[in-house]
Amino acid sequence: MNQQPLVSISEASHILGVSEATLRQWTDEGKIKAFITPGGHRRYSRVELKKFISSRHKVYNIKDLAAELEDTTQLHREIARTHLSSTPWYNKISRESQERLIEPGRQLLHLIIRYIAEPSKQDDIIQQARDVGYNLGETLAQLGIPLTDSVQAFVVHRDPVMNAVTRLLRKKEAFNERVAEAIPLVTHVMDEALVALVAANQHYNQSKGGTTG
């Protein structure tokens, strides 16, 4: 069969300078060929990868950006395991409460992708993002987490999302116009969610006669 040297999807994505999610998407779209092992794993020819790099003028589109954002999911879990676990408040709450704080992040990431990909539904999606932020802020307040810690945790999780976007900007390939336009859209969704989080925290503490910390 093919005797060209093959590499894993991880190494292939590194060679191309894209995420594994983007490479999977390109493969599914037929933009680049993959060899499937008996175990169902994708393998890529180094020769084909080099041809792809030299012959194709890559234009990143909105699907590529969505794939980059989807690829940040594991990073958010890593943040909870490393950064948040080192904060005093995170270790004081139960495992169940820690799990509750993960879901809003998933929801917000999904809404960011939809907000970029579905322009006609942006008004509805931004309201959903506000709702997610508000519910998260209320949950954190109920757990007794000070507002400053709540905002810090949100910002820490915001970084991987913004880094995924700016990672595309650092590449030298051409950009689809919608990708360039998506940068402020991502920021807008995150900002609206954060404002709602702060509002929820303040409302909860005021109703309890407490402080916003």
C-alpha atoms as a PDB file:
ATOM      1  CA  MET A   1       0.000   0.000   0.000  1.00  0.00           C
ATOM      2  CA  ASN A   2       1.163   3.615   0.465  1.00  0.00           C
ATOM      3  CA  GLN A   3       4.800   3.626   1.528  1.00  0.00           C
ATOM      4  CA  GLN A   4       5.012   7.338   2.310  1.00  0.00           C
ATOM      5  CA  PRO A   5       6.023   8.121   5.925  1.00  0.00           C
ATOM      6  CA  LEU A   6       2.862   8.711   7.952  1.00  0.00           C
ATOM      7  CA  VAL A   7       2.369  10.826  11.067  1.00  0.00           C
ATOM      8  CA  SER A   8      -0.359  11.090  13.686  1.00  0.00           C
ATOM      9  CA  ILE A   9      -3.020  13.803  13.603  1.00  0.00           C
ATOM     10  CA  SER A  10      -1.247  15.509  16.500  1.00  0.00           C
ATOM     11  CA  GLU A  11       2.044  15.766  14.595  1.00  0.00           C
ATOM     12  CA  ALA A  12       0.284  16.652  11.351  1.00  0.00           C
ATOM     13  CA  SER A  13      -1.606  19.506  12.990  1.00  0.00           C
ATOM     14  CA  HIS A  14       1.692  20.758  14.444  1.00  0.00           C
ATOM     15  CA  ILE A  15       3.313  20.656  11.003  1.00  0.00           C
ATOM     16  CA  LEU A  16       0.441  22.643   9.495  1.00  0.00           C
ATOM     17  CA  GLY A  17       0.238  25.045  12.439  1.00  0.00           C
ATOM     18  CA  VAL A  18      -3.453  24.438  13.129  1.00  0.00           C
ATOM     19  CA  SER A  19      -5.450  22.721  15.846  1.00  0.00           C
ATOM     20  CA  GLU A  20      -6.413  19.061  15.602  1.00  0.00           C
ATOM     21  CA  ALA A  21     -10.058  20.128  15.367  1.00  0.00           C
ATOM     22  CA  THR A  22      -9.279  22.274  12.311  1.00  0.00           C
ATOM     23  CA  LEU A  23      -7.332  19.454  10.674  1.00  0.00           C
ATOM     24  CA  ARG A  24     -10.202  17.029  11.297  1.00  0.00           C
ATOM     25  CA  GLN A  25     -12.546  19.522   9.683  1.00  0.00           C
ATOM     26  CA  TRP A  26     -10.305  19.961   6.643  1.00  0.00           C
ATOM     27  CA  THR A  27     -10.060  16.174   6.312  1.00  0.00           C
ATOM     28  CA  ASP A  28     -13.825  15.737   6.521  1.00  0.00           C
ATOM     29  CA  GLU A  29     -14.249  18.453   3.884  1.00  0.00           C
ATOM     30  CA  GLY A  30     -11.793  16.646   1.592  1.00  0.00           C
ATOM     31  CA  LYS A  31      -9.225  19.432   1.664  1.00  0.00           C
ATOM     32  CA  ILE A  32      -6.499  17.083   2.837  1.00  0.00           C
ATOM     33  CA  LYS A  33      -6.271  13.291   2.678  1.00  0.00           C
ATOM     34  CA  ALA A  34      -5.959  11.042   5.710  1.00  0.00           C
ATOM     35  CA  PHE A  35      -5.171   7.323   5.887  1.00  0.00           C
ATOM     36  CA  ILE A  36      -7.278   5.413   8.392  1.00  0.00           C
ATOM     37  CA  THR A  37      -5.563   2.696  10.423  1.00  0.00           C
ATOM     38  CA  PRO A  38      -7.319  -0.592  11.261  1.00  0.00           C
ATOM     39  CA  GLY A  39      -7.893   0.890  14.708  1.00  0.00           C
ATOM     40  CA  GLY A  40      -9.712   3.882  13.216  1.00  0.00           C
ATOM     41  CA  HIS A  41      -6.951   6.475  13.759  1.00  0.00           C
ATOM     42  CA  ARG A  42      -6.083   9.085  11.152  1.00  0.00           C
ATOM     43  CA  ARG A  43      -2.589   9.173   9.719  1.00  0.00           C
ATOM     44  CA  TYR A  44      -1.178  11.769   7.349  1.00  0.00           C
ATOM     45  CA  SER A  45       1.555  11.574   4.733  1.00  0.00           C
ATOM     46  CA  ARG A  46       4.460  13.962   5.311  1.00  0.00           C
ATOM     47  CA  VAL A  47       4.799  14.299   1.540  1.00  0.00           C
ATOM     48  CA  GLU A  48       1.134  15.283   1.182  1.00  0.00           C
ATOM     49  CA  LEU A  49       1.403  17.700   4.095  1.00  0.00           C
ATOM     50  CA  LYS A  50       4.339  19.466   2.452  1.00  0.00           C
ATOM     51  CA  LYS A  51       2.456  19.651  -0.856  1.00  0.00           C
ATOM     52  CA  PHE A  52      -0.552  21.049   0.982  1.00  0.00           C
ATOM     53  CA  ILE A  53       1.557  23.752   2.642  1.00  0.00           C
ATOM     54  CA  SER A  54       3.367  24.787  -0.532  1.00  0.00           C
ATOM     55  CA  SER A  55       0.439  24.680  -2.961  1.00  0.00           C
ATOM     56  CA  ARG A  56      -2.503  25.922  -0.922  1.00  0.00           C
ATOM     57  CA  HIS A  57      -2.949  29.562  -0.060  1.00  0.00           C
ATOM     58  CA  LYS A  58      -4.886  29.057   3.137  1.00  0.00           C
ATOM     59  CA  VAL A  59      -7.823  31.338   3.783  1.00  0.00           C
ATOM     60  CA  TYR A  60      -9.153  30.826   7.282  1.00  0.00           C
ATOM     61  CA  ASN A  61     -12.922  30.963   7.441  1.00  0.00           C
ATOM     62  CA  ILE A  62     -15.514  31.066  10.161  1.00  0.00           C
ATOM     63  CA  LYS A  63     -15.555  27.260  10.484  1.00  0.00           C
ATOM     64  CA  ASP A  64     -11.828  27.281  11.215  1.00  0.00           C
ATOM     65  CA  LEU A  65     -12.370  29.807  13.988  1.00  0.00           C
ATOM     66  CA  ALA A  66     -15.208  27.722  15.434  1.00  0.00           C
ATOM     67  CA  ALA A  67     -12.927  24.690  15.430  1.00  0.00           C
ATOM     68  CA  GLU A  68     -10.207  26.651  17.227  1.00  0.00           C
ATOM     69  CA  LEU A  69     -12.719  27.707  19.884  1.00  0.00           C
ATOM     70  CA  GLU A  70     -14.044  24.171  20.296  1.00  0.00           C
ATOM     71  CA  ASP A  71     -10.465  23.068  20.849  1.00  0.00           C
ATOM     72  CA  THR A  72     -10.235  25.175  24.029  1.00  0.00           C
ATOM     73  CA  THR A  73     -12.610  22.890  25.973  1.00  0.00           C
ATOM     74  CA  GLN A  74      -9.812  20.826  27.513  1.00  0.00           C
ATOM     75  CA  LEU A  75      -7.931  23.995  28.454  1.00  0.00           C
ATOM     76  CA  HIS A  76     -10.835  25.109  30.626  1.00  0.00           C
ATOM     77  CA  ARG A  77     -10.730  21.843  32.554  1.00  0.00           C
ATOM     78  CA  GLU A  78      -6.992  22.268  32.952  1.00  0.00           C
ATOM     79  CA  ILE A  79      -7.535  25.759  34.362  1.00  0.00           C
ATOM     80  CA  ALA A  80      -9.944  24.363  36.951  1.00  0.00           C
ATOM     81  CA  ARG A  81      -7.433  21.644  37.847  1.00  0.00           C
ATOM     82  CA  THR A  82      -4.416  23.936  38.159  1.00  0.00           C
ATOM     83  CA  HIS A  83      -5.199  27.622  38.610  1.00  0.00           C
ATOM     84  CA  LEU A  84      -8.561  27.512  40.404  1.00  0.00           C
ATOM     85  CA  SER A  85      -7.590  24.600  42.630  1.00  0.00           C
ATOM     86  CA  SER A  86      -4.833  26.804  44.065  1.00  0.00           C
ATOM     87  CA  THR A  87      -7.324  29.466  45.207  1.00  0.00           C
ATOM     88  CA  PRO A  88      -8.677  29.267  48.773  1.00  0.00           C
ATOM     89  CA  TRP A  89     -12.344  29.644  47.801  1.00  0.00           C
ATOM     90  CA  TYR A  90     -12.355  26.873  45.163  1.00  0.00           C
ATOM     91  CA  ASN A  91     -11.150  24.251  47.621  1.00  0.00           C
ATOM     92  CA  LYS A  92     -13.792  25.259  50.148  1.00  0.00           C
ATOM     93  CA  ILE A  93     -16.735  24.436  47.897  1.00  0.00           C
ATOM     94  CA  SER A  94     -17.983  20.895  47.300  1.00  0.00           C
ATOM     95  CA  ARG A  95     -17.128  18.733  44.291  1.00  0.00           C
ATOM     96  CA  GLU A  96     -20.761  19.069  43.195  1.00  0.00           C
ATOM     97  CA  SER A  97     -20.477  22.859  43.291  1.00  0.00           C
ATOM     98  CA  GLN A  98     -17.217  22.726  41.324  1.00  0.00           C
ATOM     99  CA  GLU A  99     -18.965  20.692  38.630  1.00  0.00           C
ATOM    100  CA  ARG A 100     -21.823  23.220  38.556  1.00  0.00           C
ATOM    101  CA  LEU A 101     -19.343  25.927  37.669  1.00  0.00           C
ATOM    102  CA  ILE A 102     -18.094  24.017  34.617  1.00  0.00           C
ATOM    103  CA  GLU A 103     -21.410  23.915  32.735  1.00  0.00           C
ATOM    104  CA  PRO A 104     -21.824  27.715  32.293  1.00  0.00           C
ATOM    105  CA  GLY A 105     -18.409  27.787  30.634  1.00  0.00           C
ATOM    106  CA  ARG A 106     -19.501  25.147  28.132  1.00  0.00           C
ATOM    107  CA  GLN A 107     -22.711  27.043  27.458  1.00  0.00           C
ATOM    108  CA  LEU A 108     -20.922  30.327  26.911  1.00  0.00           C
ATOM    109  CA  LEU A 109     -18.380  28.777  24.534  1.00  0.00           C
ATOM    110  CA  HIS A 110     -21.221  27.254  22.504  1.00  0.00           C
ATOM    111  CA  LEU A 111     -23.019  30.614  22.408  1.00  0.00           C
ATOM    112  CA  ILE A 112     -19.861  32.414  21.250  1.00  0.00           C
ATOM    113  CA  ILE A 113     -19.545  30.011  18.322  1.00  0.00           C
ATOM    114  CA  ARG A 114     -23.233  30.410  17.455  1.00  0.00           C
ATOM    115  CA  TYR A 115     -23.011  34.199  17.760  1.00  0.00           C
ATOM    116  CA  ILE A 116     -20.262  34.257  15.149  1.00  0.00           C
ATOM    117  CA  ALA A 117     -21.804  31.664  12.827  1.00  0.00           C
ATOM    118  CA  GLU A 118     -25.466  32.783  12.981  1.00  0.00           C
ATOM    119  CA  PRO A 119     -25.626  36.565  12.412  1.00  0.00           C
ATOM    120  CA  SER A 120     -29.419  36.555  12.077  1.00  0.00           C
ATOM    121  CA  LYS A 121     -29.824  35.205  15.619  1.00  0.00           C
ATOM    122  CA  GLN A 122     -27.313  37.445  17.396  1.00  0.00           C
ATOM    123  CA  ASP A 123     -29.882  39.405  19.431  1.00  0.00           C
ATOM    124  CA  ASP A 124     -31.336  36.214  20.883  1.00  0.00           C
ATOM    125  CA  ILE A 125     -27.906  34.652  21.439  1.00  0.00           C
ATOM    126  CA  ILE A 126     -26.511  37.698  23.252  1.00  0.00           C
ATOM    127  CA  GLN A 127     -29.474  37.582  25.628  1.00  0.00           C
ATOM    128  CA  GLN A 128     -28.747  33.915  26.281  1.00  0.00           C
ATOM    129  CA  ALA A 129     -25.122  34.858  27.012  1.00  0.00           C
ATOM    130  CA  ARG A 130     -26.326  37.468  29.506  1.00  0.00           C
ATOM    131  CA  ASP A 131     -28.544  34.840  31.131  1.00  0.00           C
ATOM    132  CA  VAL A 132     -25.593  32.444  31.443  1.00  0.00           C
ATOM    133  CA  GLY A 133     -23.456  35.178  32.973  1.00  0.00           C
ATOM    134  CA  TYR A 134     -26.217  36.217  35.363  1.00  0.00           C
ATOM    135  CA  ASN A 135     -26.899  32.660  36.494  1.00  0.00           C
ATOM    136  CA  LEU A 136     -23.175  32.073  37.011  1.00  0.00           C
ATOM    137  CA  GLY A 137     -22.840  35.278  39.027  1.00  0.00           C
ATOM    138  CA  GLU A 138     -25.807  34.293  41.170  1.00  0.00           C
ATOM    139  CA  THR A 139     -24.406  30.805  41.743  1.00  0.00           C
ATOM    140  CA  LEU A 140     -21.018  32.184  42.782  1.00  0.00           C
ATOM    141  CA  ALA A 141     -22.683  34.664  45.132  1.00  0.00           C
ATOM    142  CA  GLN A 142     -24.791  31.901  46.693  1.00  0.00           C
ATOM    143  CA  LEU A 143     -21.594  29.955  47.299  1.00  0.00           C
ATOM    144  CA  GLY A 144     -20.197  32.965  49.130  1.00  0.00           C
ATOM    145  CA  ILE A 145     -17.520  33.738  46.544  1.00  0.00           C
ATOM    146  CA  PRO A 146     -16.448  37.429  46.658  1.00  0.00           C
ATOM    147  CA  LEU A 147     -17.067  39.440  43.514  1.00  0.00           C
ATOM    148  CA  THR A 148     -13.364  40.064  42.949  1.00  0.00           C
ATOM    149  CA  ASP A 149     -12.665  36.302  42.968  1.00  0.00           C
ATOM    150  CA  SER A 150     -15.658  35.672  40.702  1.00  0.00           C
ATOM    151  CA  VAL A 151     -14.433  38.191  38.130  1.00  0.00           C
ATOM    152  CA  GLN A 152     -10.903  36.825  38.326  1.00  0.00           C
ATOM    153  CA  ALA A 153     -12.133  33.272  37.672  1.00  0.00           C
ATOM    154  CA  PHE A 154     -14.141  34.502  34.673  1.00  0.00           C
ATOM    155  CA  VAL A 155     -11.151  36.362  33.235  1.00  0.00           C
ATOM    156  CA  VAL A 156      -8.885  33.334  33.653  1.00  0.00           C
ATOM    157  CA  HIS A 157     -11.331  31.252  31.606  1.00  0.00           C
ATOM    158  CA  ARG A 158     -11.692  34.066  29.093  1.00  0.00           C
ATOM    159  CA  ASP A 159      -8.004  33.942  28.152  1.00  0.00           C
ATOM    160  CA  PRO A 160      -8.035  30.600  26.250  1.00  0.00           C
ATOM    161  CA  VAL A 161     -10.978  31.806  24.161  1.00  0.00           C
ATOM    162  CA  MET A 162      -9.297  35.083  23.239  1.00  0.00           C
ATOM    163  CA  ASN A 163      -5.993  33.286  22.642  1.00  0.00           C
ATOM    164  CA  ALA A 164      -7.704  30.953  20.166  1.00  0.00           C
ATOM    165  CA  VAL A 165      -8.886  33.965  18.204  1.00  0.00           C
ATOM    166  CA  THR A 166      -5.596  35.855  18.290  1.00  0.00           C
ATOM    167  CA  ARG A 167      -3.725  32.651  17.337  1.00  0.00           C
ATOM    168  CA  LEU A 168      -5.342  32.903  13.906  1.00  0.00           C
ATOM    169  CA  LEU A 169      -4.333  36.548  13.643  1.00  0.00           C
ATOM    170  CA  ARG A 170      -0.675  35.664  14.199  1.00  0.00           C
ATOM    171  CA  LYS A 171      -0.631  33.358  11.213  1.00  0.00           C
ATOM    172  CA  LYS A 172       0.603  34.777   7.926  1.00  0.00           C
ATOM    173  CA  GLU A 173      -2.103  33.198   5.783  1.00  0.00           C
ATOM    174  CA  ALA A 174      -5.008  35.205   4.396  1.00  0.00           C
ATOM    175  CA  PHE A 175      -8.189  35.650   6.379  1.00  0.00           C
ATOM    176  CA  ASN A 176     -11.771  35.348   5.378  1.00  0.00           C
ATOM    177  CA  GLU A 177     -13.361  38.748   6.028  1.00  0.00           C
ATOM    178  CA  ARG A 178     -15.828  37.237   8.486  1.00  0.00           C
ATOM    179  CA  VAL A 179     -12.992  35.908  10.638  1.00  0.00           C
ATOM    180  CA  ALA A 180     -11.585  39.412  11.040  1.00  0.00           C
ATOM    181  CA  GLU A 181     -15.059  40.680  11.885  1.00  0.00           C
ATOM    182  CA  ALA A 182     -15.492  37.903  14.458  1.00  0.00           C
ATOM    183  CA  ILE A 183     -12.778  39.215  16.780  1.00  0.00           C
ATOM    184  CA  PRO A 184     -14.886  42.011  18.321  1.00  0.00           C
ATOM    185  CA  LEU A 185     -17.921  39.696  18.327  1.00  0.00           C
ATOM    186  CA  VAL A 186     -16.160  37.244  20.640  1.00  0.00           C
ATOM    187  CA  THR A 187     -15.166  40.107  22.937  1.00  0.00           C
ATOM    188  CA  HIS A 188     -18.728  41.441  22.933  1.00  0.00           C
ATOM    189  CA  VAL A 189     -20.254  38.138  24.054  1.00  0.00           C
ATOM    190  CA  MET A 190     -17.686  37.719  26.818  1.00  0.00           C
ATOM    191  CA  ASP A 191     -18.154  41.307  28.001  1.00  0.00           C
ATOM    192  CA  GLU A 192     -21.941  41.012  28.125  1.00  0.00           C
ATOM    193  CA  ALA A 193     -21.707  37.797  30.133  1.00  0.00           C
ATOM    194  CA  LEU A 194     -19.229  39.371  32.555  1.00  0.00           C
ATOM    195  CA  VAL A 195     -21.384  42.463  33.084  1.00  0.00           C
ATOM    196  CA  ALA A 196     -24.356  40.204  33.810  1.00  0.00           C
ATOM    197  CA  LEU A 197     -22.239  38.178  36.261  1.00  0.00           C
ATOM    198  CA  VAL A 198     -21.327  41.350  38.177  1.00  0.00           C
ATOM    199  CA  ALA A 199     -24.949  42.538  38.166  1.00  0.00           C
ATOM    200  CA  ALA A 200     -26.161  39.198  39.557  1.00  0.00           C
ATOM    201  CA  ASN A 201     -23.570  39.235  42.310  1.00  0.00           C
ATOM    202  CA  GLN A 202     -24.455  42.783  43.333  1.00  0.00           C
ATOM    203  CA  HIS A 203     -28.195  42.080  43.223  1.00  0.00           C
ATOM    204  CA  TYR A 204     -27.829  38.958  45.353  1.00  0.00           C
ATOM    205  CA  ASN A 205     -25.672  40.646  47.960  1.00  0.00           C
ATOM    206  CA  GLN A 206     -27.918  43.722  48.124  1.00  0.00           C
ATOM    207  CA  SER A 207     -30.973  41.516  48.623  1.00  0.00           C
ATOM    208  CA  LYS A 208     -29.161  39.797  51.479  1.00  0.00           C
ATOM    209  CA  GLY A 209     -27.964  43.075  52.921  1.00  0.00           C
ATOM    210  CA  GLY A 210     -24.343  42.068  52.358  1.00  0.00           C
ATOM    211  CA  THR A 211     -21.460  43.517  50.400  1.00  0.00           C
ATOM    212  CA  THR A 212     -20.138  42.838  46.907  1.00  0.00           C
ATOM    213  CA  GLY A 213     -16.612  42.019  48.161  1.00  0.00           C
END
